[in-house]
Amino acid sequence: MEKKVEVHSMITVTRDFELMMVCALRYSIGRESYMPSIAIDYIRYLIPMLSVNTLFILQRDITEEVERYGRSGWEIFMKDEWLKLADDIRKEYTRRKAGEA
């Protein structure tokens, strides 16, 4: 069953808002609570609205954190969902970068 993210009808995506999305990701990744699910769903909903720079940072942070956990012999909580989000972000980033060429 696909979860539906409910977001206020009007979101103004500013640089500060994007920084908060980076903070939310960094806070949530690796936590074994409800926060990863909320952050993943919200960021996924916002992918089309985020800047190329923020997409790059989010994708990089997920990849680095999953790799860091792997090196320590641990598996990150909700690893598959984080990797799926990183892939969704990477696709949007690649699409936009190709459009700039």
PDB file of N, CA and C in Angstrom:
ATOM      1  N   MET A   1       0.845  -1.171   0.000  1.00  0.00           N
ATOM      2  CA  MET A   1       0.000   0.000   0.000  1.00  0.00           C
ATOM      3  C   MET A   1       0.897   1.243   0.000  1.00  0.00           C
ATOM      4  N   GLU A   2       0.696   2.107  -0.944  1.00  0.00           N
ATOM      5  CA  GLU A   2       1.462   3.348  -1.073  1.00  0.00           C
ATOM      6  C   GLU A   2       0.958   4.355  -0.051  1.00  0.00           C
ATOM      7  N   LYS A   3       1.885   4.919   0.711  1.00  0.00           N
ATOM      8  CA  LYS A   3       1.500   5.940   1.689  1.00  0.00           C
ATOM      9  C   LYS A   3       1.293   7.262   0.977  1.00  0.00           C
ATOM     10  N   LYS A   4       0.319   8.008   1.442  1.00  0.00           N
ATOM     11  CA  LYS A   4       0.056   9.325   0.879  1.00  0.00           C
ATOM     12  C   LYS A   4       0.590  10.361   1.852  1.00  0.00           C
ATOM     13  N   VAL A   5       1.435  11.233   1.346  1.00  0.00           N
ATOM     14  CA  VAL A   5       1.973  12.297   2.175  1.00  0.00           C
ATOM     15  C   VAL A   5       1.032  13.475   2.087  1.00  0.00           C
ATOM     16  N   GLU A   6       0.604  13.959   3.220  1.00  0.00           N
ATOM     17  CA  GLU A   6      -0.263  15.131   3.243  1.00  0.00           C
ATOM     18  C   GLU A   6       0.584  16.337   3.593  1.00  0.00           C
ATOM     19  N   VAL A   7       0.588  17.302   2.706  1.00  0.00           N
ATOM     20  CA  VAL A   7       1.380  18.505   2.875  1.00  0.00           C
ATOM     21  C   VAL A   7       0.441  19.687   2.706  1.00  0.00           C
ATOM     22  N   HIS A   8       0.742  20.749   3.422  1.00  0.00           N
ATOM     23  CA  HIS A   8      -0.066  21.955   3.249  1.00  0.00           C
ATOM     24  C   HIS A   8      -0.104  22.316   1.774  1.00  0.00           C
ATOM     25  N   SER A   9      -1.190  22.893   1.351  1.00  0.00           N
ATOM     26  CA  SER A   9      -1.389  23.164  -0.074  1.00  0.00           C
ATOM     27  C   SER A   9      -0.374  24.143  -0.639  1.00  0.00           C
ATOM     28  N   MET A  10       0.215  24.984   0.197  1.00  0.00           N
ATOM     29  CA  MET A  10       1.177  25.935  -0.323  1.00  0.00           C
ATOM     30  C   MET A  10       2.504  25.808   0.431  1.00  0.00           C
ATOM     31  N   ILE A  11       3.540  25.468  -0.303  1.00  0.00           N
ATOM     32  CA  ILE A  11       4.876  25.369   0.266  1.00  0.00           C
ATOM     33  C   ILE A  11       5.761  26.327  -0.513  1.00  0.00           C
ATOM     34  N   THR A  12       6.442  27.183   0.210  1.00  0.00           N
ATOM     35  CA  THR A  12       7.415  28.052  -0.422  1.00  0.00           C
ATOM     36  C   THR A  12       8.783  27.454  -0.144  1.00  0.00           C
ATOM     37  N   VAL A  13       9.430  26.991  -1.186  1.00  0.00           N
ATOM     38  CA  VAL A  13      10.731  26.350  -1.032  1.00  0.00           C
ATOM     39  C   VAL A  13      11.810  27.418  -1.181  1.00  0.00           C
ATOM     40  N   THR A  14      12.337  27.827  -0.046  1.00  0.00           N
ATOM     41  CA  THR A  14      13.416  28.806  -0.003  1.00  0.00           C
ATOM     42  C   THR A  14      14.721  28.083   0.315  1.00  0.00           C
ATOM     43  N   ARG A  15      15.816  28.799   0.269  1.00  0.00           N
ATOM     44  CA  ARG A  15      17.116  28.222   0.621  1.00  0.00           C
ATOM     45  C   ARG A  15      17.086  27.713   2.069  1.00  0.00           C
ATOM     46  N   ASP A  16      16.488  28.490   2.959  1.00  0.00           N
ATOM     47  CA  ASP A  16      16.388  28.064   4.355  1.00  0.00           C
ATOM     48  C   ASP A  16      15.552  26.789   4.488  1.00  0.00           C
ATOM     49  N   PHE A  17      14.466  26.704   3.732  1.00  0.00           N
ATOM     50  CA  PHE A  17      13.628  25.507   3.759  1.00  0.00           C
ATOM     51  C   PHE A  17      14.437  24.299   3.289  1.00  0.00           C
ATOM     52  N   GLU A  18      15.204  24.484   2.224  1.00  0.00           N
ATOM     53  CA  GLU A  18      16.036  23.382   1.719  1.00  0.00           C
ATOM     54  C   GLU A  18      17.074  22.959   2.761  1.00  0.00           C
ATOM     55  N   LEU A  19      17.651  23.919   3.458  1.00  0.00           N
ATOM     56  CA  LEU A  19      18.603  23.584   4.520  1.00  0.00           C
ATOM     57  C   LEU A  19      17.930  22.778   5.624  1.00  0.00           C
ATOM     58  N   MET A  20      16.668  23.093   5.904  1.00  0.00           N
ATOM     59  CA  MET A  20      15.932  22.329   6.904  1.00  0.00           C
ATOM     60  C   MET A  20      15.672  20.898   6.432  1.00  0.00           C
ATOM     61  N   MET A  21      15.481  20.711   5.138  1.00  0.00           N
ATOM     62  CA  MET A  21      15.310  19.359   4.603  1.00  0.00           C
ATOM     63  C   MET A  21      16.607  18.557   4.762  1.00  0.00           C
ATOM     64  N   VAL A  22      17.735  19.211   4.538  1.00  0.00           N
ATOM     65  CA  VAL A  22      19.027  18.548   4.749  1.00  0.00           C
ATOM     66  C   VAL A  22      19.169  18.180   6.226  1.00  0.00           C
ATOM     67  N   CYS A  23      18.817  19.103   7.106  1.00  0.00           N
ATOM     68  CA  CYS A  23      18.876  18.828   8.550  1.00  0.00           C
ATOM     69  C   CYS A  23      17.960  17.672   8.928  1.00  0.00           C
ATOM     70  N   ALA A  24      16.758  17.656   8.378  1.00  0.00           N
ATOM     71  CA  ALA A  24      15.806  16.581   8.680  1.00  0.00           C
ATOM     72  C   ALA A  24      16.367  15.231   8.258  1.00  0.00           C
ATOM     73  N   LEU A  25      16.973  15.199   7.089  1.00  0.00           N
ATOM     74  CA  LEU A  25      17.569  13.948   6.617  1.00  0.00           C
ATOM     75  C   LEU A  25      18.696  13.522   7.548  1.00  0.00           C
ATOM     76  N   ARG A  26      19.595  14.455   7.847  1.00  0.00           N
ATOM     77  CA  ARG A  26      20.744  14.119   8.687  1.00  0.00           C
ATOM     78  C   ARG A  26      20.322  13.698  10.090  1.00  0.00           C
ATOM     79  N   TYR A  27      19.281  14.298  10.610  1.00  0.00           N
ATOM     80  CA  TYR A  27      18.767  13.908  11.920  1.00  0.00           C
ATOM     81  C   TYR A  27      18.145  12.513  11.867  1.00  0.00           C
ATOM     82  N   SER A  28      17.414  12.236  10.820  1.00  0.00           N
ATOM     83  CA  SER A  28      16.602  11.022  10.749  1.00  0.00           C
ATOM     84  C   SER A  28      17.375   9.775  10.359  1.00  0.00           C
ATOM     85  N   ILE A  29      18.356   9.924   9.481  1.00  0.00           N
ATOM     86  CA  ILE A  29      19.024   8.730   8.955  1.00  0.00           C
ATOM     87  C   ILE A  29      19.771   8.014  10.088  1.00  0.00           C
ATOM     88  N   GLY A  30      19.509   6.742  10.202  1.00  0.00           N
ATOM     89  CA  GLY A  30      20.131   5.936  11.241  1.00  0.00           C
ATOM     90  C   GLY A  30      19.311   5.816  12.507  1.00  0.00           C
ATOM     91  N   ARG A  31      18.302   6.633  12.657  1.00  0.00           N
ATOM     92  CA  ARG A  31      17.446   6.541  13.844  1.00  0.00           C
ATOM     93  C   ARG A  31      16.458   5.397  13.673  1.00  0.00           C
ATOM     94  N   GLU A  32      16.214   4.710  14.755  1.00  0.00           N
ATOM     95  CA  GLU A  32      15.241   3.624  14.742  1.00  0.00           C
ATOM     96  C   GLU A  32      13.963   4.120  15.410  1.00  0.00           C
ATOM     97  N   SER A  33      13.250   4.958  14.669  1.00  0.00           N
ATOM     98  CA  SER A  33      12.010   5.541  15.178  1.00  0.00           C
ATOM     99  C   SER A  33      11.091   5.827  13.998  1.00  0.00           C
ATOM    100  N   TYR A  34      10.072   6.617  14.242  1.00  0.00           N
ATOM    101  CA  TYR A  34       9.138   6.995  13.186  1.00  0.00           C
ATOM    102  C   TYR A  34       9.712   8.071  12.273  1.00  0.00           C
ATOM    103  N   MET A  35      10.761   8.781  12.703  1.00  0.00           N
ATOM    104  CA  MET A  35      11.285   9.912  11.943  1.00  0.00           C
ATOM    105  C   MET A  35      11.813   9.557  10.545  1.00  0.00           C
ATOM    106  N   PRO A  36      12.539   8.453  10.359  1.00  0.00           N
ATOM    107  CA  PRO A  36      12.997   8.150   9.004  1.00  0.00           C
ATOM    108  C   PRO A  36      11.852   8.053   7.999  1.00  0.00           C
ATOM    109  N   SER A  37      10.777   7.414   8.378  1.00  0.00           N
ATOM    110  CA  SER A  37       9.641   7.268   7.473  1.00  0.00           C
ATOM    111  C   SER A  37       9.050   8.621   7.103  1.00  0.00           C
ATOM    112  N   ILE A  38       8.914   9.493   8.088  1.00  0.00           N
ATOM    113  CA  ILE A  38       8.363  10.824   7.837  1.00  0.00           C
ATOM    114  C   ILE A  38       9.294  11.621   6.932  1.00  0.00           C
ATOM    115  N   ALA A  39      10.586  11.619   7.243  1.00  0.00           N
ATOM    116  CA  ALA A  39      11.554  12.380   6.446  1.00  0.00           C
ATOM    117  C   ALA A  39      11.611  11.855   5.012  1.00  0.00           C
ATOM    118  N   ILE A  40      11.657  10.543   4.845  1.00  0.00           N
ATOM    119  CA  ILE A  40      11.718   9.942   3.510  1.00  0.00           C
ATOM    120  C   ILE A  40      10.494  10.343   2.688  1.00  0.00           C
ATOM    121  N   ASP A  41       9.322  10.212   3.259  1.00  0.00           N
ATOM    122  CA  ASP A  41       8.094  10.543   2.526  1.00  0.00           C
ATOM    123  C   ASP A  41       8.039  12.024   2.156  1.00  0.00           C
ATOM    124  N   TYR A  42       8.406  12.874   3.085  1.00  0.00           N
ATOM    125  CA  TYR A  42       8.323  14.314   2.850  1.00  0.00           C
ATOM    126  C   TYR A  42       9.342  14.759   1.806  1.00  0.00           C
ATOM    127  N   ILE A  43      10.573  14.265   1.934  1.00  0.00           N
ATOM    128  CA  ILE A  43      11.608  14.629   0.955  1.00  0.00           C
ATOM    129  C   ILE A  43      11.227  14.105  -0.425  1.00  0.00           C
ATOM    130  N   ARG A  44      10.730  12.880  -0.500  1.00  0.00           N
ATOM    131  CA  ARG A  44      10.330  12.322  -1.800  1.00  0.00           C
ATOM    132  C   ARG A  44       9.265  13.202  -2.459  1.00  0.00           C
ATOM    133  N   TYR A  45       8.308  13.668  -1.686  1.00  0.00           N
ATOM    134  CA  TYR A  45       7.264  14.548  -2.210  1.00  0.00           C
ATOM    135  C   TYR A  45       7.859  15.851  -2.756  1.00  0.00           C
ATOM    136  N   LEU A  46       8.908  16.342  -2.107  1.00  0.00           N
ATOM    137  CA  LEU A  46       9.498  17.634  -2.461  1.00  0.00           C
ATOM    138  C   LEU A  46      10.573  17.574  -3.546  1.00  0.00           C
ATOM    139  N   ILE A  47      10.985  16.400  -3.955  1.00  0.00           N
ATOM    140  CA  ILE A  47      12.082  16.278  -4.929  1.00  0.00           C
ATOM    141  C   ILE A  47      11.923  17.224  -6.114  1.00  0.00           C
ATOM    142  N   PRO A  48      10.765  17.318  -6.755  1.00  0.00           N
ATOM    143  CA  PRO A  48      10.659  18.207  -7.922  1.00  0.00           C
ATOM    144  C   PRO A  48      10.854  19.684  -7.601  1.00  0.00           C
ATOM    145  N   MET A  49      10.698  20.055  -6.338  1.00  0.00           N
ATOM    146  CA  MET A  49      10.770  21.464  -5.947  1.00  0.00           C
ATOM    147  C   MET A  49      12.138  21.882  -5.416  1.00  0.00           C
ATOM    148  N   LEU A  50      12.999  20.931  -5.152  1.00  0.00           N
ATOM    149  CA  LEU A  50      14.291  21.227  -4.546  1.00  0.00           C
ATOM    150  C   LEU A  50      15.330  21.589  -5.606  1.00  0.00           C
ATOM    151  N   SER A  51      16.285  22.411  -5.214  1.00  0.00           N
ATOM    152  CA  SER A  51      17.339  22.836  -6.137  1.00  0.00           C
ATOM    153  C   SER A  51      18.275  21.676  -6.468  1.00  0.00           C
ATOM    154  N   VAL A  52      18.985  21.815  -7.552  1.00  0.00           N
ATOM    155  CA  VAL A  52      19.954  20.801  -7.968  1.00  0.00           C
ATOM    156  C   VAL A  52      21.002  20.614  -6.880  1.00  0.00           C
ATOM    157  N   ASN A  53      21.445  21.704  -6.288  1.00  0.00           N
ATOM    158  CA  ASN A  53      22.447  21.627  -5.236  1.00  0.00           C
ATOM    159  C   ASN A  53      21.931  20.829  -4.036  1.00  0.00           C
ATOM    160  N   THR A  54      20.701  21.076  -3.619  1.00  0.00           N
ATOM    161  CA  THR A  54      20.129  20.350  -2.494  1.00  0.00           C
ATOM    162  C   THR A  54      19.937  18.877  -2.839  1.00  0.00           C
ATOM    163  N   LEU A  55      19.509  18.595  -4.052  1.00  0.00           N
ATOM    164  CA  LEU A  55      19.382  17.193  -4.479  1.00  0.00           C
ATOM    165  C   LEU A  55      20.725  16.481  -4.382  1.00  0.00           C
ATOM    166  N   PHE A  56      21.772  17.147  -4.844  1.00  0.00           N
ATOM    167  CA  PHE A  56      23.116  16.562  -4.778  1.00  0.00           C
ATOM    168  C   PHE A  56      23.510  16.257  -3.337  1.00  0.00           C
ATOM    169  N   ILE A  57      23.286  17.218  -2.441  1.00  0.00           N
ATOM    170  CA  ILE A  57      23.660  17.053  -1.033  1.00  0.00           C
ATOM    171  C   ILE A  57      22.871  15.914  -0.385  1.00  0.00           C
ATOM    172  N   LEU A  58      21.564  15.866  -0.622  1.00  0.00           N
ATOM    173  CA  LEU A  58      20.730  14.817  -0.031  1.00  0.00           C
ATOM    174  C   LEU A  58      21.169  13.433  -0.493  1.00  0.00           C
ATOM    175  N   GLN A  59      21.378  13.287  -1.797  1.00  0.00           N
ATOM    176  CA  GLN A  59      21.793  11.996  -2.343  1.00  0.00           C
ATOM    177  C   GLN A  59      23.152  11.597  -1.778  1.00  0.00           C
ATOM    178  N   ARG A  60      24.082  12.544  -1.726  1.00  0.00           N
ATOM    179  CA  ARG A  60      25.422  12.264  -1.198  1.00  0.00           C
ATOM    180  C   ARG A  60      25.349  11.857   0.270  1.00  0.00           C
ATOM    181  N   ASP A  61      24.564  12.578   1.062  1.00  0.00           N
ATOM    182  CA  ASP A  61      24.463  12.275   2.490  1.00  0.00           C
ATOM    183  C   ASP A  61      23.900  10.881   2.735  1.00  0.00           C
ATOM    184  N   ILE A  62      22.887  10.492   1.975  1.00  0.00           N
ATOM    185  CA  ILE A  62      22.318   9.149   2.135  1.00  0.00           C
ATOM    186  C   ILE A  62      23.359   8.099   1.795  1.00  0.00           C
ATOM    187  N   THR A  63      24.009   8.258   0.650  1.00  0.00           N
ATOM    188  CA  THR A  63      25.000   7.278   0.200  1.00  0.00           C
ATOM    189  C   THR A  63      26.140   7.145   1.208  1.00  0.00           C
ATOM    190  N   GLU A  64      26.660   8.282   1.670  1.00  0.00           N
ATOM    191  CA  GLU A  64      27.768   8.247   2.624  1.00  0.00           C
ATOM    192  C   GLU A  64      27.370   7.598   3.941  1.00  0.00           C
ATOM    193  N   GLU A  65      26.179   7.883   4.403  1.00  0.00           N
ATOM    194  CA  GLU A  65      25.739   7.326   5.685  1.00  0.00           C
ATOM    195  C   GLU A  65      25.508   5.817   5.584  1.00  0.00           C
ATOM    196  N   VAL A  66      24.903   5.363   4.498  1.00  0.00           N
ATOM    197  CA  VAL A  66      24.704   3.919   4.309  1.00  0.00           C
ATOM    198  C   VAL A  66      26.059   3.216   4.229  1.00  0.00           C
ATOM    199  N   GLU A  67      27.004   3.811   3.512  1.00  0.00           N
ATOM    200  CA  GLU A  67      28.347   3.221   3.409  1.00  0.00           C
ATOM    201  C   GLU A  67      29.055   3.219   4.764  1.00  0.00           C
ATOM    202  N   ARG A  68      28.919   4.293   5.532  1.00  0.00           N
ATOM    203  CA  ARG A  68      29.551   4.377   6.853  1.00  0.00           C
ATOM    204  C   ARG A  68      29.024   3.286   7.777  1.00  0.00           C
ATOM    205  N   TYR A  69      27.719   3.080   7.767  1.00  0.00           N
ATOM    206  CA  TYR A  69      27.142   2.010   8.575  1.00  0.00           C
ATOM    207  C   TYR A  69      27.672   0.653   8.115  1.00  0.00           C
ATOM    208  N   GLY A  70      27.755   0.469   6.796  1.00  0.00           N
ATOM    209  CA  GLY A  70      28.246  -0.795   6.257  1.00  0.00           C
ATOM    210  C   GLY A  70      29.678  -1.095   6.682  1.00  0.00           C
ATOM    211  N   ARG A  71      30.522  -0.078   6.682  1.00  0.00           N
ATOM    212  CA  ARG A  71      31.924  -0.251   7.093  1.00  0.00           C
ATOM    213  C   ARG A  71      32.034  -0.656   8.558  1.00  0.00           C
ATOM    214  N   SER A  72      31.108  -0.217   9.374  1.00  0.00           N
ATOM    215  CA  SER A  72      31.152  -0.545  10.805  1.00  0.00           C
ATOM    216  C   SER A  72      30.471  -1.877  11.121  1.00  0.00           C
ATOM    217  N   GLY A  73      29.937  -2.532  10.080  1.00  0.00           N
ATOM    218  CA  GLY A  73      29.306  -3.831  10.281  1.00  0.00           C
ATOM    219  C   GLY A  73      27.845  -3.761  10.680  1.00  0.00           C
ATOM    220  N   TRP A  74      27.269  -2.579  10.647  1.00  0.00           N
ATOM    221  CA  TRP A  74      25.870  -2.392  10.987  1.00  0.00           C
ATOM    222  C   TRP A  74      25.065  -2.186   9.717  1.00  0.00           C
ATOM    223  N   GLU A  75      23.788  -2.403   9.829  1.00  0.00           N
ATOM    224  CA  GLU A  75      22.900  -2.059   8.710  1.00  0.00           C
ATOM    225  C   GLU A  75      21.983  -0.938   9.165  1.00  0.00           C
ATOM    226  N   ILE A  76      21.928   0.084   8.372  1.00  0.00           N
ATOM    227  CA  ILE A  76      21.136   1.259   8.721  1.00  0.00           C
ATOM    228  C   ILE A  76      19.652   0.910   8.737  1.00  0.00           C
ATOM    229  N   PHE A  77      18.941   1.449   9.695  1.00  0.00           N
ATOM    230  CA  PHE A  77      17.498   1.226   9.815  1.00  0.00           C
ATOM    231  C   PHE A  77      16.801   1.741   8.552  1.00  0.00           C
ATOM    232  N   MET A  78      15.955   0.942   7.971  1.00  0.00           N
ATOM    233  CA  MET A  78      15.198   1.267   6.746  1.00  0.00           C
ATOM    234  C   MET A  78      16.137   1.489   5.548  1.00  0.00           C
ATOM    235  N   LYS A  79      17.202   0.727   5.505  1.00  0.00           N
ATOM    236  CA  LYS A  79      18.212   0.886   4.462  1.00  0.00           C
ATOM    237  C   LYS A  79      17.616   0.886   3.064  1.00  0.00           C
ATOM    238  N   ASP A  80      16.738  -0.051   2.770  1.00  0.00           N
ATOM    239  CA  ASP A  80      16.158  -0.145   1.421  1.00  0.00           C
ATOM    240  C   ASP A  80      15.380   1.114   1.057  1.00  0.00           C
ATOM    241  N   GLU A  81      14.652   1.666   2.020  1.00  0.00           N
ATOM    242  CA  GLU A  81      13.887   2.892   1.760  1.00  0.00           C
ATOM    243  C   GLU A  81      14.811   4.091   1.543  1.00  0.00           C
ATOM    244  N   TRP A  82      15.888   4.168   2.328  1.00  0.00           N
ATOM    245  CA  TRP A  82      16.850   5.256   2.126  1.00  0.00           C
ATOM    246  C   TRP A  82      17.501   5.153   0.745  1.00  0.00           C
ATOM    247  N   LEU A  83      17.875   3.940   0.356  1.00  0.00           N
ATOM    248  CA  LEU A  83      18.506   3.760  -0.955  1.00  0.00           C
ATOM    249  C   LEU A  83      17.532   4.055  -2.092  1.00  0.00           C
ATOM    250  N   LYS A  84      16.270   3.703  -1.898  1.00  0.00           N
ATOM    251  CA  LYS A  84      15.249   4.022  -2.907  1.00  0.00           C
ATOM    252  C   LYS A  84      15.089   5.538  -3.028  1.00  0.00           C
ATOM    253  N   LEU A  85      15.079   6.244  -1.897  1.00  0.00           N
ATOM    254  CA  LEU A  85      15.005   7.703  -1.935  1.00  0.00           C
ATOM    255  C   LEU A  85      16.229   8.279  -2.637  1.00  0.00           C
ATOM    256  N   ALA A  86      17.409   7.775  -2.314  1.00  0.00           N
ATOM    257  CA  ALA A  86      18.636   8.258  -2.968  1.00  0.00           C
ATOM    258  C   ALA A  86      18.549   8.054  -4.472  1.00  0.00           C
ATOM    259  N   ASP A  87      17.991   6.928  -4.903  1.00  0.00           N
ATOM    260  CA  ASP A  87      17.842   6.658  -6.328  1.00  0.00           C
ATOM    261  C   ASP A  87      16.844   7.626  -6.978  1.00  0.00           C
ATOM    262  N   ASP A  88      15.740   7.893  -6.304  1.00  0.00           N
ATOM    263  CA  ASP A  88      14.756   8.859  -6.819  1.00  0.00           C
ATOM    264  C   ASP A  88      15.380  10.250  -6.952  1.00  0.00           C
ATOM    265  N   ILE A  89      16.156  10.623  -5.952  1.00  0.00           N
ATOM    266  CA  ILE A  89      16.838  11.920  -5.994  1.00  0.00           C
ATOM    267  C   ILE A  89      17.848  11.954  -7.131  1.00  0.00           C
ATOM    268  N   ARG A  90      18.622  10.892  -7.271  1.00  0.00           N
ATOM    269  CA  ARG A  90      19.647  10.803  -8.324  1.00  0.00           C
ATOM    270  C   ARG A  90      19.014  10.928  -9.715  1.00  0.00           C
ATOM    271  N   LYS A  91      17.866  10.293  -9.905  1.00  0.00           N
ATOM    272  CA  LYS A  91      17.176  10.367 -11.205  1.00  0.00           C
ATOM    273  C   LYS A  91      16.767  11.801 -11.524  1.00  0.00           C
ATOM    274  N   GLU A  92      16.208  12.501 -10.537  1.00  0.00           N
ATOM    275  CA  GLU A  92      15.800  13.891 -10.754  1.00  0.00           C
ATOM    276  C   GLU A  92      17.012  14.780 -10.989  1.00  0.00           C
ATOM    277  N   TYR A  93      18.061  14.558 -10.218  1.00  0.00           N
ATOM    278  CA  TYR A  93      19.295  15.333 -10.380  1.00  0.00           C
ATOM    279  C   TYR A  93      19.860  15.132 -11.788  1.00  0.00           C
ATOM    280  N   THR A  94      19.939  13.906 -12.237  1.00  0.00           N
ATOM    281  CA  THR A  94      20.479  13.576 -13.555  1.00  0.00           C
ATOM    282  C   THR A  94      19.608  14.187 -14.659  1.00  0.00           C
ATOM    283  N   ARG A  95      18.297  14.101 -14.502  1.00  0.00           N
ATOM    284  CA  ARG A  95      17.374  14.662 -15.478  1.00  0.00           C
ATOM    285  C   ARG A  95      17.588  16.171 -15.609  1.00  0.00           C
ATOM    286  N   ARG A  96      17.710  16.829 -14.483  1.00  0.00           N
ATOM    287  CA  ARG A  96      17.888  18.290 -14.522  1.00  0.00           C
ATOM    288  C   ARG A  96      19.249  18.684 -15.059  1.00  0.00           C
ATOM    289  N   LYS A  97      20.270  17.950 -14.675  1.00  0.00           N
ATOM    290  CA  LYS A  97      21.622  18.278 -15.177  1.00  0.00           C
ATOM    291  C   LYS A  97      21.683  18.061 -16.692  1.00  0.00           C
ATOM    292  N   ALA A  98      21.011  17.045 -17.194  1.00  0.00           N
ATOM    293  CA  ALA A  98      20.987  16.788 -18.645  1.00  0.00           C
ATOM    294  C   ALA A  98      20.273  17.918 -19.358  1.00  0.00           C
ATOM    295  N   GLY A  99      19.270  18.507 -18.731  1.00  0.00           N
ATOM    296  CA  GLY A  99      18.530  19.623 -19.306  1.00  0.00           C
ATOM    297  C   GLY A  99      19.338  20.890 -19.388  1.00  0.00           C
ATOM    298  N   GLU A 100      20.381  20.994 -18.569  1.00  0.00           N
ATOM    299  CA  GLU A 100      21.248  22.173 -18.589  1.00  0.00           C
ATOM    300  C   GLU A 100      22.231  22.140 -19.740  1.00  0.00           C
ATOM    301  N   ALA A 101      22.515  20.959 -20.254  1.00  0.00           N
ATOM    302  CA  ALA A 101      23.546  20.797 -21.290  1.00  0.00           C
ATOM    303  C   ALA A 101      23.124  21.393 -22.628  1.00  0.00           C
TER     304      ALA A 101
END
